[in-house]
Amino acid sequence: MKKISKILIGTNNKGKFKEISDLLPKKIKKISPNQLNISSPEENGKTFIENSEIKAEYFSLKSKMVTISDDSGLEVSCLDGMPGIYSSRWAEDLGGFDNAMKEIIKRVIKINKNKDKKNTEAKFICALTIKWPNGKKITEIGQVEGNIISQRGKNGFGYDQIFTPKGHKRTFGEMIYEEKASMDHRFFAFKKIEKKIKDYF
């Protein structure tokens, strides 16, 4: 069994790159696609798992390296699971995550208007895939349930500032980096993968 000494983290998102880097052992050298001038693939899967595997396979093929990639997003219950796998594209279409968060809040308020029991439930989902150049592949899912709340905090990225995880009163955007990174969807997905690949470290 060949130990992993370096790994490509298959994302051009700086926030994701840092979070995945920090989950991996310090002794492993982390490479970004930017360093190798590799652009991102088209994500045409219909699930988080499909998109995660598309990215891992693409980056591993291009770099000839062991690669770890994720696909993640926010599913809002009262919006029929939207934006879901389109979380990033939604933000792009609306001119950024700040606008996307405002749009979600607006829609959640509108749907819950005049309802006695308001539904603000949501969950963050992450599919994480590690892929070896020889074809070996492992994918796991992590998720965190919580609620949509008005935008608060200045930390995090994506939709962190409108999401409070269950059992907490602060949004991911109000938490310090280390706290959020120890309980988010990416963390739980990695912990499942880690059990299967710890002998490679």
N, C-alpha and C. Protein backbone atom coordinates (compact mmCIF):
# COMPACT_ATOMS: atom_id res chain seq x y z
N MET A 1 0.84 -1.20 0.00
CA MET A 1 0.00 0.00 0.00
C MET A 1 0.88 1.25 0.00
N LYS A 2 0.72 2.07 -1.02
CA LYS A 2 1.55 3.27 -1.13
C LYS A 2 0.94 4.40 -0.33
N LYS A 3 1.77 4.95 0.56
CA LYS A 3 1.30 6.07 1.39
C LYS A 3 1.11 7.32 0.53
N ILE A 4 0.15 8.15 0.94
CA ILE A 4 -0.10 9.42 0.24
C ILE A 4 0.85 10.47 0.79
N SER A 5 1.72 11.00 -0.07
CA SER A 5 2.66 12.05 0.37
C SER A 5 2.21 13.42 -0.12
N LYS A 6 1.46 13.43 -1.25
CA LYS A 6 0.90 14.69 -1.75
C LYS A 6 -0.45 14.39 -2.38
N ILE A 7 -1.29 15.41 -2.38
CA ILE A 7 -2.66 15.21 -2.88
C ILE A 7 -3.14 16.48 -3.58
N LEU A 8 -3.89 16.31 -4.63
CA LEU A 8 -4.51 17.46 -5.29
C LEU A 8 -5.88 17.66 -4.65
N ILE A 9 -6.14 18.86 -4.19
CA ILE A 9 -7.46 19.18 -3.65
C ILE A 9 -8.25 19.80 -4.80
N GLY A 10 -9.18 19.01 -5.34
CA GLY A 10 -9.84 19.37 -6.60
C GLY A 10 -10.92 20.42 -6.46
N THR A 11 -10.49 21.65 -6.21
CA THR A 11 -11.42 22.78 -6.18
C THR A 11 -10.66 24.07 -6.47
N ASN A 12 -11.34 24.99 -7.12
CA ASN A 12 -10.77 26.33 -7.31
C ASN A 12 -11.45 27.34 -6.38
N ASN A 13 -12.20 26.81 -5.38
CA ASN A 13 -12.84 27.64 -4.36
C ASN A 13 -11.89 27.72 -3.16
N LYS A 14 -11.44 28.93 -2.83
CA LYS A 14 -10.43 29.10 -1.77
C LYS A 14 -10.93 28.64 -0.41
N GLY A 15 -12.21 28.88 -0.13
CA GLY A 15 -12.78 28.47 1.15
C GLY A 15 -12.77 26.96 1.30
N LYS A 16 -13.21 26.27 0.25
CA LYS A 16 -13.22 24.81 0.27
C LYS A 16 -11.79 24.26 0.35
N PHE A 17 -10.88 24.88 -0.41
CA PHE A 17 -9.49 24.41 -0.42
C PHE A 17 -8.91 24.44 1.00
N LYS A 18 -9.16 25.52 1.72
CA LYS A 18 -8.62 25.64 3.09
C LYS A 18 -9.25 24.60 4.01
N GLU A 19 -10.58 24.46 3.94
CA GLU A 19 -11.26 23.52 4.83
C GLU A 19 -10.79 22.07 4.59
N ILE A 20 -10.70 21.67 3.33
CA ILE A 20 -10.27 20.30 3.03
C ILE A 20 -8.80 20.12 3.40
N SER A 21 -7.98 21.13 3.13
CA SER A 21 -6.55 21.08 3.51
C SER A 21 -6.38 20.84 5.00
N ASP A 22 -7.17 21.56 5.79
CA ASP A 22 -7.03 21.48 7.25
C ASP A 22 -7.56 20.16 7.82
N LEU A 23 -8.41 19.47 7.06
CA LEU A 23 -8.89 18.16 7.51
C LEU A 23 -7.83 17.07 7.29
N LEU A 24 -7.00 17.27 6.28
CA LEU A 24 -5.97 16.28 5.94
C LEU A 24 -4.76 16.39 6.86
N PRO A 25 -4.01 15.29 7.03
CA PRO A 25 -2.79 15.35 7.86
C PRO A 25 -1.82 16.43 7.37
N LYS A 26 -1.17 17.09 8.33
CA LYS A 26 -0.26 18.20 8.00
C LYS A 26 0.91 17.75 7.12
N LYS A 27 1.35 16.49 7.31
CA LYS A 27 2.55 16.02 6.59
C LYS A 27 2.30 15.84 5.09
N ILE A 28 1.04 15.77 4.68
CA ILE A 28 0.73 15.59 3.26
C ILE A 28 0.81 16.95 2.55
N LYS A 29 1.52 16.99 1.43
CA LYS A 29 1.61 18.22 0.65
C LYS A 29 0.32 18.41 -0.15
N LYS A 30 -0.29 19.61 -0.01
CA LYS A 30 -1.55 19.88 -0.70
C LYS A 30 -1.32 20.76 -1.93
N ILE A 31 -1.84 20.31 -3.06
CA ILE A 31 -1.69 21.02 -4.32
C ILE A 31 -3.07 21.51 -4.78
N SER A 32 -3.12 22.72 -5.33
CA SER A 32 -4.39 23.22 -5.87
C SER A 32 -4.37 23.15 -7.40
N PRO A 33 -5.53 23.03 -8.03
CA PRO A 33 -5.58 23.01 -9.50
C PRO A 33 -4.96 24.27 -10.11
N ASN A 34 -5.07 25.40 -9.41
CA ASN A 34 -4.48 26.66 -9.90
C ASN A 34 -2.98 26.53 -10.12
N GLN A 35 -2.32 25.82 -9.21
CA GLN A 35 -0.87 25.64 -9.31
C GLN A 35 -0.49 24.87 -10.58
N LEU A 36 -1.40 24.04 -11.06
CA LEU A 36 -1.13 23.23 -12.25
C LEU A 36 -1.86 23.76 -13.48
N ASN A 37 -2.45 24.94 -13.33
CA ASN A 37 -3.23 25.56 -14.42
C ASN A 37 -4.35 24.66 -14.94
N ILE A 38 -5.04 24.00 -14.01
CA ILE A 38 -6.17 23.14 -14.39
C ILE A 38 -7.47 23.86 -14.03
N SER A 39 -8.29 24.10 -15.04
CA SER A 39 -9.58 24.76 -14.77
C SER A 39 -10.58 23.73 -14.28
N SER A 40 -11.73 24.19 -13.80
CA SER A 40 -12.75 23.28 -13.25
C SER A 40 -13.57 22.64 -14.37
N PRO A 41 -14.04 21.40 -14.14
CA PRO A 41 -14.85 20.73 -15.16
C PRO A 41 -16.30 21.20 -15.12
N GLU A 42 -17.04 20.83 -16.13
CA GLU A 42 -18.48 21.10 -16.12
C GLU A 42 -19.13 20.10 -15.16
N GLU A 43 -19.97 20.64 -14.26
CA GLU A 43 -20.65 19.78 -13.29
C GLU A 43 -22.06 19.50 -13.80
N ASN A 44 -22.19 18.38 -14.49
CA ASN A 44 -23.49 18.07 -15.09
C ASN A 44 -24.17 16.87 -14.44
N GLY A 45 -23.73 16.53 -13.23
CA GLY A 45 -24.37 15.44 -12.49
C GLY A 45 -25.72 15.88 -11.94
N LYS A 46 -26.51 14.90 -11.52
CA LYS A 46 -27.84 15.20 -10.98
C LYS A 46 -27.89 15.09 -9.46
N THR A 47 -26.76 14.70 -8.85
CA THR A 47 -26.69 14.58 -7.40
C THR A 47 -25.35 15.13 -6.92
N PHE A 48 -25.25 15.35 -5.60
CA PHE A 48 -23.97 15.79 -5.03
C PHE A 48 -22.90 14.73 -5.28
N ILE A 49 -23.26 13.45 -5.14
CA ILE A 49 -22.29 12.37 -5.35
C ILE A 49 -21.78 12.37 -6.78
N GLU A 50 -22.68 12.48 -7.74
CA GLU A 50 -22.25 12.48 -9.16
C GLU A 50 -21.30 13.63 -9.45
N ASN A 51 -21.62 14.82 -8.96
CA ASN A 51 -20.76 15.99 -9.22
C ASN A 51 -19.41 15.88 -8.51
N SER A 52 -19.43 15.34 -7.29
CA SER A 52 -18.18 15.14 -6.56
C SER A 52 -17.27 14.17 -7.31
N GLU A 53 -17.85 13.10 -7.83
CA GLU A 53 -17.06 12.11 -8.54
C GLU A 53 -16.59 12.62 -9.91
N ILE A 54 -17.42 13.43 -10.56
CA ILE A 54 -17.00 14.07 -11.82
C ILE A 54 -15.74 14.90 -11.60
N LYS A 55 -15.76 15.70 -10.53
CA LYS A 55 -14.61 16.57 -10.24
C LYS A 55 -13.36 15.76 -9.87
N ALA A 56 -13.55 14.77 -9.00
CA ALA A 56 -12.40 13.96 -8.56
C ALA A 56 -11.76 13.22 -9.74
N GLU A 57 -12.60 12.64 -10.59
CA GLU A 57 -12.08 11.89 -11.74
C GLU A 57 -11.39 12.82 -12.75
N TYR A 58 -11.98 13.97 -12.97
CA TYR A 58 -11.42 14.95 -13.91
C TYR A 58 -10.05 15.45 -13.43
N PHE A 59 -10.00 15.90 -12.18
CA PHE A 59 -8.74 16.46 -11.65
C PHE A 59 -7.66 15.39 -11.52
N SER A 60 -8.06 14.16 -11.16
CA SER A 60 -7.09 13.08 -11.03
C SER A 60 -6.51 12.72 -12.40
N LEU A 61 -7.37 12.69 -13.42
CA LEU A 61 -6.94 12.37 -14.78
C LEU A 61 -5.99 13.46 -15.31
N LYS A 62 -6.33 14.72 -15.04
CA LYS A 62 -5.51 15.84 -15.54
C LYS A 62 -4.16 15.92 -14.83
N SER A 63 -4.14 15.61 -13.52
CA SER A 63 -2.93 15.80 -12.71
C SER A 63 -2.12 14.53 -12.53
N LYS A 64 -2.75 13.35 -12.79
CA LYS A 64 -2.12 12.04 -12.53
C LYS A 64 -1.79 11.89 -11.04
N MET A 65 -2.56 12.57 -10.20
CA MET A 65 -2.31 12.54 -8.75
C MET A 65 -3.52 12.00 -8.00
N VAL A 66 -3.27 11.53 -6.77
CA VAL A 66 -4.39 11.24 -5.87
C VAL A 66 -5.13 12.56 -5.66
N THR A 67 -6.44 12.53 -5.78
CA THR A 67 -7.24 13.76 -5.75
C THR A 67 -8.40 13.62 -4.79
N ILE A 68 -8.70 14.70 -4.06
CA ILE A 68 -9.89 14.72 -3.22
C ILE A 68 -10.74 15.92 -3.64
N SER A 69 -12.01 15.66 -3.92
CA SER A 69 -12.92 16.72 -4.37
C SER A 69 -14.23 16.61 -3.62
N ASP A 70 -14.94 17.72 -3.53
CA ASP A 70 -16.26 17.66 -2.92
C ASP A 70 -17.29 18.36 -3.80
N ASP A 71 -18.54 18.03 -3.57
CA ASP A 71 -19.63 18.83 -4.09
C ASP A 71 -20.57 19.05 -2.92
N SER A 72 -20.92 20.27 -2.69
CA SER A 72 -21.71 20.57 -1.51
C SER A 72 -22.71 21.68 -1.79
N GLY A 73 -23.69 21.79 -0.93
CA GLY A 73 -24.70 22.83 -1.12
C GLY A 73 -25.71 22.86 0.00
N LEU A 74 -26.60 23.79 -0.12
CA LEU A 74 -27.64 24.03 0.89
C LEU A 74 -28.99 23.60 0.33
N GLU A 75 -29.70 22.78 1.08
CA GLU A 75 -31.07 22.39 0.72
C GLU A 75 -32.03 23.01 1.73
N VAL A 76 -32.96 23.80 1.22
CA VAL A 76 -33.95 24.46 2.08
C VAL A 76 -35.28 23.73 1.95
N SER A 77 -35.80 23.25 3.05
CA SER A 77 -36.99 22.39 3.05
C SER A 77 -38.20 23.04 2.37
N CYS A 78 -38.55 24.25 2.77
CA CYS A 78 -39.76 24.88 2.23
C CYS A 78 -39.60 25.34 0.79
N LEU A 79 -38.37 25.29 0.27
CA LEU A 79 -38.12 25.62 -1.14
C LEU A 79 -37.92 24.35 -1.97
N ASP A 80 -38.48 23.25 -1.47
CA ASP A 80 -38.38 21.95 -2.14
C ASP A 80 -36.94 21.52 -2.38
N GLY A 81 -36.07 21.83 -1.42
CA GLY A 81 -34.68 21.40 -1.49
C GLY A 81 -33.76 22.31 -2.28
N MET A 82 -34.29 23.39 -2.82
CA MET A 82 -33.44 24.34 -3.54
C MET A 82 -32.61 25.14 -2.52
N PRO A 83 -31.44 25.68 -2.94
CA PRO A 83 -30.82 25.57 -4.26
C PRO A 83 -30.11 24.23 -4.51
N GLY A 84 -29.85 23.45 -3.45
CA GLY A 84 -29.32 22.10 -3.63
C GLY A 84 -28.04 22.04 -4.44
N ILE A 85 -28.01 21.15 -5.45
CA ILE A 85 -26.78 20.99 -6.25
C ILE A 85 -26.48 22.23 -7.09
N TYR A 86 -27.45 23.14 -7.15
CA TYR A 86 -27.24 24.38 -7.93
C TYR A 86 -26.82 25.55 -7.04
N SER A 87 -26.38 25.26 -5.80
CA SER A 87 -26.05 26.32 -4.84
C SER A 87 -25.06 27.34 -5.38
N SER A 88 -23.98 26.87 -5.99
CA SER A 88 -22.97 27.79 -6.53
C SER A 88 -23.48 28.51 -7.77
N ARG A 89 -24.15 27.76 -8.64
CA ARG A 89 -24.66 28.36 -9.88
C ARG A 89 -25.75 29.39 -9.60
N TRP A 90 -26.54 29.12 -8.60
CA TRP A 90 -27.57 30.08 -8.15
C TRP A 90 -26.91 31.40 -7.80
N ALA A 91 -25.84 31.31 -6.99
CA ALA A 91 -25.13 32.52 -6.56
C ALA A 91 -24.52 33.25 -7.75
N GLU A 92 -23.96 32.49 -8.69
CA GLU A 92 -23.37 33.11 -9.90
C GLU A 92 -24.43 33.86 -10.68
N ASP A 93 -25.58 33.22 -10.86
CA ASP A 93 -26.67 33.83 -11.64
C ASP A 93 -27.22 35.09 -10.98
N LEU A 94 -27.16 35.14 -9.65
CA LEU A 94 -27.71 36.28 -8.91
C LEU A 94 -26.65 37.34 -8.59
N GLY A 95 -25.42 37.12 -9.05
CA GLY A 95 -24.38 38.11 -8.85
C GLY A 95 -23.61 37.98 -7.55
N GLY A 96 -23.61 36.78 -6.96
CA GLY A 96 -22.83 36.54 -5.76
C GLY A 96 -23.65 35.94 -4.61
N PHE A 97 -22.93 35.40 -3.63
CA PHE A 97 -23.60 34.74 -2.50
C PHE A 97 -24.40 35.69 -1.64
N ASP A 98 -23.98 36.94 -1.56
CA ASP A 98 -24.72 37.91 -0.75
C ASP A 98 -26.14 38.06 -1.31
N ASN A 99 -26.24 38.21 -2.62
CA ASN A 99 -27.56 38.32 -3.26
C ASN A 99 -28.35 37.01 -3.14
N ALA A 100 -27.64 35.88 -3.26
CA ALA A 100 -28.30 34.57 -3.17
C ALA A 100 -28.88 34.36 -1.77
N MET A 101 -28.14 34.77 -0.74
CA MET A 101 -28.65 34.65 0.63
C MET A 101 -29.89 35.52 0.84
N LYS A 102 -29.85 36.73 0.31
CA LYS A 102 -31.02 37.63 0.41
C LYS A 102 -32.23 37.03 -0.30
N GLU A 103 -32.00 36.40 -1.46
CA GLU A 103 -33.09 35.79 -2.22
C GLU A 103 -33.70 34.62 -1.45
N ILE A 104 -32.87 33.81 -0.81
CA ILE A 104 -33.38 32.69 -0.03
C ILE A 104 -34.22 33.19 1.14
N ILE A 105 -33.71 34.18 1.86
CA ILE A 105 -34.46 34.76 2.99
C ILE A 105 -35.81 35.28 2.52
N LYS A 106 -35.80 35.99 1.40
CA LYS A 106 -37.04 36.57 0.85
C LYS A 106 -38.05 35.48 0.53
N ARG A 107 -37.59 34.40 -0.09
CA ARG A 107 -38.49 33.31 -0.46
C ARG A 107 -39.02 32.55 0.76
N VAL A 108 -38.15 32.35 1.73
CA VAL A 108 -38.56 31.64 2.96
C VAL A 108 -39.61 32.45 3.72
N ILE A 109 -39.41 33.76 3.80
CA ILE A 109 -40.38 34.64 4.47
C ILE A 109 -41.71 34.62 3.73
N LYS A 110 -41.65 34.69 2.41
CA LYS A 110 -42.88 34.72 1.60
C LYS A 110 -43.68 33.43 1.75
N ILE A 111 -43.01 32.30 1.70
CA ILE A 111 -43.69 31.01 1.82
C ILE A 111 -44.31 30.81 3.20
N ASN A 112 -43.62 31.33 4.22
CA ASN A 112 -44.09 31.13 5.59
C ASN A 112 -45.07 32.20 6.07
N LYS A 113 -45.33 33.18 5.22
CA LYS A 113 -46.23 34.28 5.60
C LYS A 113 -47.62 33.74 5.95
N ASN A 114 -48.17 34.22 7.06
CA ASN A 114 -49.51 33.84 7.55
C ASN A 114 -49.63 32.37 7.96
N LYS A 115 -48.50 31.67 8.08
CA LYS A 115 -48.55 30.29 8.56
C LYS A 115 -48.27 30.25 10.05
N ASP A 116 -49.08 29.48 10.78
CA ASP A 116 -48.88 29.37 12.22
C ASP A 116 -47.57 28.66 12.52
N LYS A 117 -47.32 27.57 11.78
CA LYS A 117 -46.08 26.82 12.00
C LYS A 117 -45.13 27.11 10.84
N LYS A 118 -44.10 27.85 11.15
CA LYS A 118 -43.18 28.25 10.09
C LYS A 118 -42.11 27.17 9.88
N ASN A 119 -41.80 26.91 8.62
CA ASN A 119 -40.79 25.91 8.27
C ASN A 119 -39.54 26.62 7.76
N THR A 120 -38.51 26.64 8.60
CA THR A 120 -37.23 27.25 8.20
C THR A 120 -36.13 26.20 8.14
N GLU A 121 -36.52 24.93 8.12
CA GLU A 121 -35.53 23.85 8.15
C GLU A 121 -34.67 23.82 6.88
N ALA A 122 -33.41 23.48 7.09
CA ALA A 122 -32.47 23.39 5.97
C ALA A 122 -31.34 22.44 6.35
N LYS A 123 -30.59 22.03 5.37
CA LYS A 123 -29.40 21.23 5.69
C LYS A 123 -28.30 21.48 4.67
N PHE A 124 -27.08 21.45 5.18
CA PHE A 124 -25.91 21.50 4.32
C PHE A 124 -25.50 20.06 4.02
N ILE A 125 -25.22 19.77 2.77
CA ILE A 125 -24.82 18.43 2.36
C ILE A 125 -23.47 18.51 1.63
N CYS A 126 -22.62 17.54 1.92
CA CYS A 126 -21.33 17.46 1.23
C CYS A 126 -21.07 16.02 0.79
N ALA A 127 -20.80 15.83 -0.49
CA ALA A 127 -20.30 14.55 -1.00
C ALA A 127 -18.81 14.74 -1.23
N LEU A 128 -18.00 13.88 -0.63
CA LEU A 128 -16.54 14.00 -0.71
C LEU A 128 -15.99 12.73 -1.36
N THR A 129 -15.15 12.92 -2.37
CA THR A 129 -14.59 11.78 -3.12
C THR A 129 -13.08 11.84 -3.13
N ILE A 130 -12.45 10.72 -2.84
CA ILE A 130 -11.00 10.61 -3.03
C ILE A 130 -10.76 9.60 -4.15
N LYS A 131 -9.90 9.97 -5.08
CA LYS A 131 -9.69 9.15 -6.30
C LYS A 131 -8.19 8.98 -6.55
N TRP A 132 -7.81 7.73 -6.78
CA TRP A 132 -6.43 7.42 -7.12
C TRP A 132 -6.30 7.29 -8.64
N PRO A 133 -5.13 7.60 -9.20
CA PRO A 133 -4.94 7.47 -10.65
C PRO A 133 -5.18 6.05 -11.17
N ASN A 134 -5.04 5.03 -10.30
CA ASN A 134 -5.26 3.65 -10.74
C ASN A 134 -6.75 3.27 -10.82
N GLY A 135 -7.62 4.22 -10.48
CA GLY A 135 -9.06 3.98 -10.58
C GLY A 135 -9.78 3.79 -9.26
N LYS A 136 -9.02 3.51 -8.18
CA LYS A 136 -9.65 3.34 -6.86
C LYS A 136 -10.36 4.63 -6.46
N LYS A 137 -11.56 4.48 -5.89
CA LYS A 137 -12.36 5.67 -5.57
C LYS A 137 -13.23 5.39 -4.34
N ILE A 138 -13.31 6.39 -3.46
CA ILE A 138 -14.18 6.29 -2.28
C ILE A 138 -14.98 7.59 -2.18
N THR A 139 -16.27 7.47 -1.99
CA THR A 139 -17.13 8.65 -1.83
C THR A 139 -17.98 8.48 -0.56
N GLU A 140 -18.09 9.56 0.19
CA GLU A 140 -18.94 9.56 1.39
C GLU A 140 -19.75 10.85 1.44
N ILE A 141 -20.86 10.78 2.19
CA ILE A 141 -21.75 11.95 2.35
C ILE A 141 -21.73 12.41 3.80
N GLY A 142 -21.68 13.72 3.99
CA GLY A 142 -21.83 14.30 5.32
C GLY A 142 -22.91 15.36 5.26
N GLN A 143 -23.65 15.50 6.34
CA GLN A 143 -24.66 16.56 6.34
C GLN A 143 -24.88 17.13 7.75
N VAL A 144 -25.35 18.37 7.76
CA VAL A 144 -25.66 19.06 9.01
C VAL A 144 -27.04 19.68 8.87
N GLU A 145 -27.92 19.35 9.80
CA GLU A 145 -29.27 19.92 9.77
C GLU A 145 -29.31 21.20 10.59
N GLY A 146 -30.22 22.10 10.21
CA GLY A 146 -30.33 23.36 10.92
C GLY A 146 -31.50 24.17 10.40
N ASN A 147 -31.37 25.48 10.52
CA ASN A 147 -32.45 26.38 10.10
C ASN A 147 -31.91 27.60 9.39
N ILE A 148 -32.75 28.17 8.53
CA ILE A 148 -32.44 29.42 7.85
C ILE A 148 -32.81 30.56 8.78
N ILE A 149 -31.94 31.54 8.84
CA ILE A 149 -32.16 32.71 9.70
C ILE A 149 -31.65 33.93 8.96
N SER A 150 -32.05 35.11 9.40
CA SER A 150 -31.57 36.34 8.73
C SER A 150 -30.05 36.39 8.78
N GLN A 151 -29.47 37.00 7.78
CA GLN A 151 -28.02 37.00 7.59
C GLN A 151 -27.28 37.59 8.79
N ARG A 152 -26.37 36.79 9.33
CA ARG A 152 -25.61 37.24 10.50
C ARG A 152 -24.18 36.72 10.43
N GLY A 153 -23.24 37.56 10.86
CA GLY A 153 -21.84 37.15 10.92
C GLY A 153 -21.06 37.57 9.69
N LYS A 154 -19.76 37.55 9.81
CA LYS A 154 -18.89 37.95 8.70
C LYS A 154 -17.88 36.86 8.34
N ASN A 155 -17.99 35.71 8.98
CA ASN A 155 -17.04 34.64 8.72
C ASN A 155 -17.62 33.63 7.72
N GLY A 156 -16.80 32.63 7.39
CA GLY A 156 -17.26 31.57 6.50
C GLY A 156 -17.35 32.01 5.05
N PHE A 157 -18.05 31.21 4.27
CA PHE A 157 -18.22 31.50 2.84
C PHE A 157 -19.51 30.83 2.38
N GLY A 158 -19.88 31.06 1.14
CA GLY A 158 -21.12 30.46 0.64
C GLY A 158 -22.33 30.97 1.42
N TYR A 159 -23.15 30.03 1.91
CA TYR A 159 -24.40 30.38 2.61
C TYR A 159 -24.26 30.32 4.14
N ASP A 160 -23.02 30.32 4.63
CA ASP A 160 -22.78 30.16 6.07
C ASP A 160 -23.52 31.17 6.95
N GLN A 161 -23.68 32.38 6.44
CA GLN A 161 -24.22 33.46 7.28
C GLN A 161 -25.73 33.42 7.48
N ILE A 162 -26.43 32.50 6.81
CA ILE A 162 -27.89 32.40 7.02
C ILE A 162 -28.28 31.03 7.58
N PHE A 163 -27.28 30.25 8.05
CA PHE A 163 -27.56 28.89 8.51
C PHE A 163 -27.13 28.70 9.96
N THR A 164 -28.08 28.30 10.82
CA THR A 164 -27.74 27.94 12.19
C THR A 164 -27.88 26.43 12.34
N PRO A 165 -26.81 25.73 12.71
CA PRO A 165 -26.91 24.28 12.91
C PRO A 165 -27.77 23.96 14.13
N LYS A 166 -28.42 22.81 14.09
CA LYS A 166 -29.29 22.39 15.20
C LYS A 166 -28.52 22.41 16.52
N GLY A 167 -29.19 22.94 17.55
CA GLY A 167 -28.56 22.99 18.87
C GLY A 167 -27.70 24.21 19.10
N HIS A 168 -27.65 25.11 18.10
CA HIS A 168 -26.84 26.32 18.22
C HIS A 168 -27.68 27.55 17.88
N LYS A 169 -27.30 28.68 18.45
CA LYS A 169 -28.04 29.91 18.19
C LYS A 169 -27.31 30.82 17.21
N ARG A 170 -26.04 30.52 16.99
CA ARG A 170 -25.26 31.35 16.07
C ARG A 170 -25.18 30.69 14.69
N THR A 171 -25.07 31.53 13.66
CA THR A 171 -24.88 31.01 12.31
C THR A 171 -23.44 30.53 12.15
N PHE A 172 -23.20 29.73 11.10
CA PHE A 172 -21.82 29.37 10.77
C PHE A 172 -20.98 30.63 10.53
N GLY A 173 -21.63 31.67 10.03
CA GLY A 173 -20.93 32.92 9.75
C GLY A 173 -20.53 33.69 10.99
N GLU A 174 -21.14 33.35 12.14
CA GLU A 174 -20.79 34.00 13.41
C GLU A 174 -19.75 33.21 14.19
N MET A 175 -19.53 31.97 13.77
CA MET A 175 -18.57 31.11 14.47
C MET A 175 -17.15 31.37 13.99
N ILE A 176 -16.19 31.16 14.89
CA ILE A 176 -14.81 31.24 14.44
C ILE A 176 -14.53 30.03 13.55
N TYR A 177 -13.54 30.15 12.70
CA TYR A 177 -13.25 29.13 11.69
C TYR A 177 -13.15 27.73 12.29
N GLU A 178 -12.38 27.60 13.38
CA GLU A 178 -12.11 26.27 13.96
C GLU A 178 -13.39 25.61 14.46
N GLU A 179 -14.31 26.41 15.02
CA GLU A 179 -15.55 25.86 15.54
C GLU A 179 -16.43 25.33 14.40
N LYS A 180 -16.60 26.15 13.39
CA LYS A 180 -17.42 25.75 12.25
C LYS A 180 -16.83 24.52 11.54
N ALA A 181 -15.51 24.53 11.37
CA ALA A 181 -14.84 23.45 10.65
C ALA A 181 -14.90 22.11 11.39
N SER A 182 -15.23 22.16 12.68
CA SER A 182 -15.28 20.93 13.48
C SER A 182 -16.68 20.34 13.55
N MET A 183 -17.64 20.96 12.84
CA MET A 183 -19.02 20.45 12.92
C MET A 183 -19.78 20.59 11.61
N ASP A 184 -19.11 20.96 10.55
CA ASP A 184 -19.88 21.17 9.32
C ASP A 184 -19.96 19.90 8.47
N HIS A 185 -20.67 19.99 7.37
CA HIS A 185 -20.94 18.85 6.49
C HIS A 185 -19.67 18.26 5.89
N ARG A 186 -18.70 19.12 5.61
CA ARG A 186 -17.43 18.65 5.04
C ARG A 186 -16.66 17.82 6.06
N PHE A 187 -16.70 18.25 7.31
CA PHE A 187 -16.04 17.55 8.41
C PHE A 187 -16.61 16.13 8.55
N PHE A 188 -17.94 16.02 8.55
CA PHE A 188 -18.57 14.71 8.75
C PHE A 188 -18.31 13.77 7.56
N ALA A 189 -18.29 14.33 6.36
CA ALA A 189 -17.98 13.51 5.18
C ALA A 189 -16.54 13.00 5.26
N PHE A 190 -15.62 13.88 5.67
CA PHE A 190 -14.21 13.49 5.75
C PHE A 190 -13.99 12.43 6.81
N LYS A 191 -14.67 12.55 7.95
CA LYS A 191 -14.50 11.58 9.03
C LYS A 191 -14.88 10.17 8.57
N LYS A 192 -15.91 10.07 7.71
CA LYS A 192 -16.31 8.76 7.17
C LYS A 192 -15.23 8.21 6.24
N ILE A 193 -14.68 9.10 5.39
CA ILE A 193 -13.62 8.67 4.47
C ILE A 193 -12.35 8.31 5.23
N GLU A 194 -12.05 9.10 6.24
CA GLU A 194 -10.81 8.90 7.00
C GLU A 194 -10.70 7.49 7.58
N LYS A 195 -11.83 6.94 8.02
CA LYS A 195 -11.83 5.58 8.59
C LYS A 195 -11.38 4.55 7.55
N LYS A 196 -11.67 4.83 6.28
CA LYS A 196 -11.35 3.88 5.21
C LYS A 196 -9.95 4.07 4.62
N ILE A 197 -9.35 5.25 4.84
CA ILE A 197 -8.05 5.52 4.18
C ILE A 197 -6.94 5.84 5.17
N LYS A 198 -7.19 5.66 6.48
CA LYS A 198 -6.18 6.05 7.47
C LYS A 198 -4.83 5.32 7.28
N ASP A 199 -4.90 4.11 6.71
CA ASP A 199 -3.64 3.36 6.47
C ASP A 199 -2.80 3.95 5.34
N TYR A 200 -3.42 4.87 4.55
CA TYR A 200 -2.67 5.50 3.46
C TYR A 200 -1.89 6.73 3.94
N PHE A 201 -2.13 7.14 5.19
CA PHE A 201 -1.48 8.35 5.70
C PHE A 201 -0.18 8.01 6.43
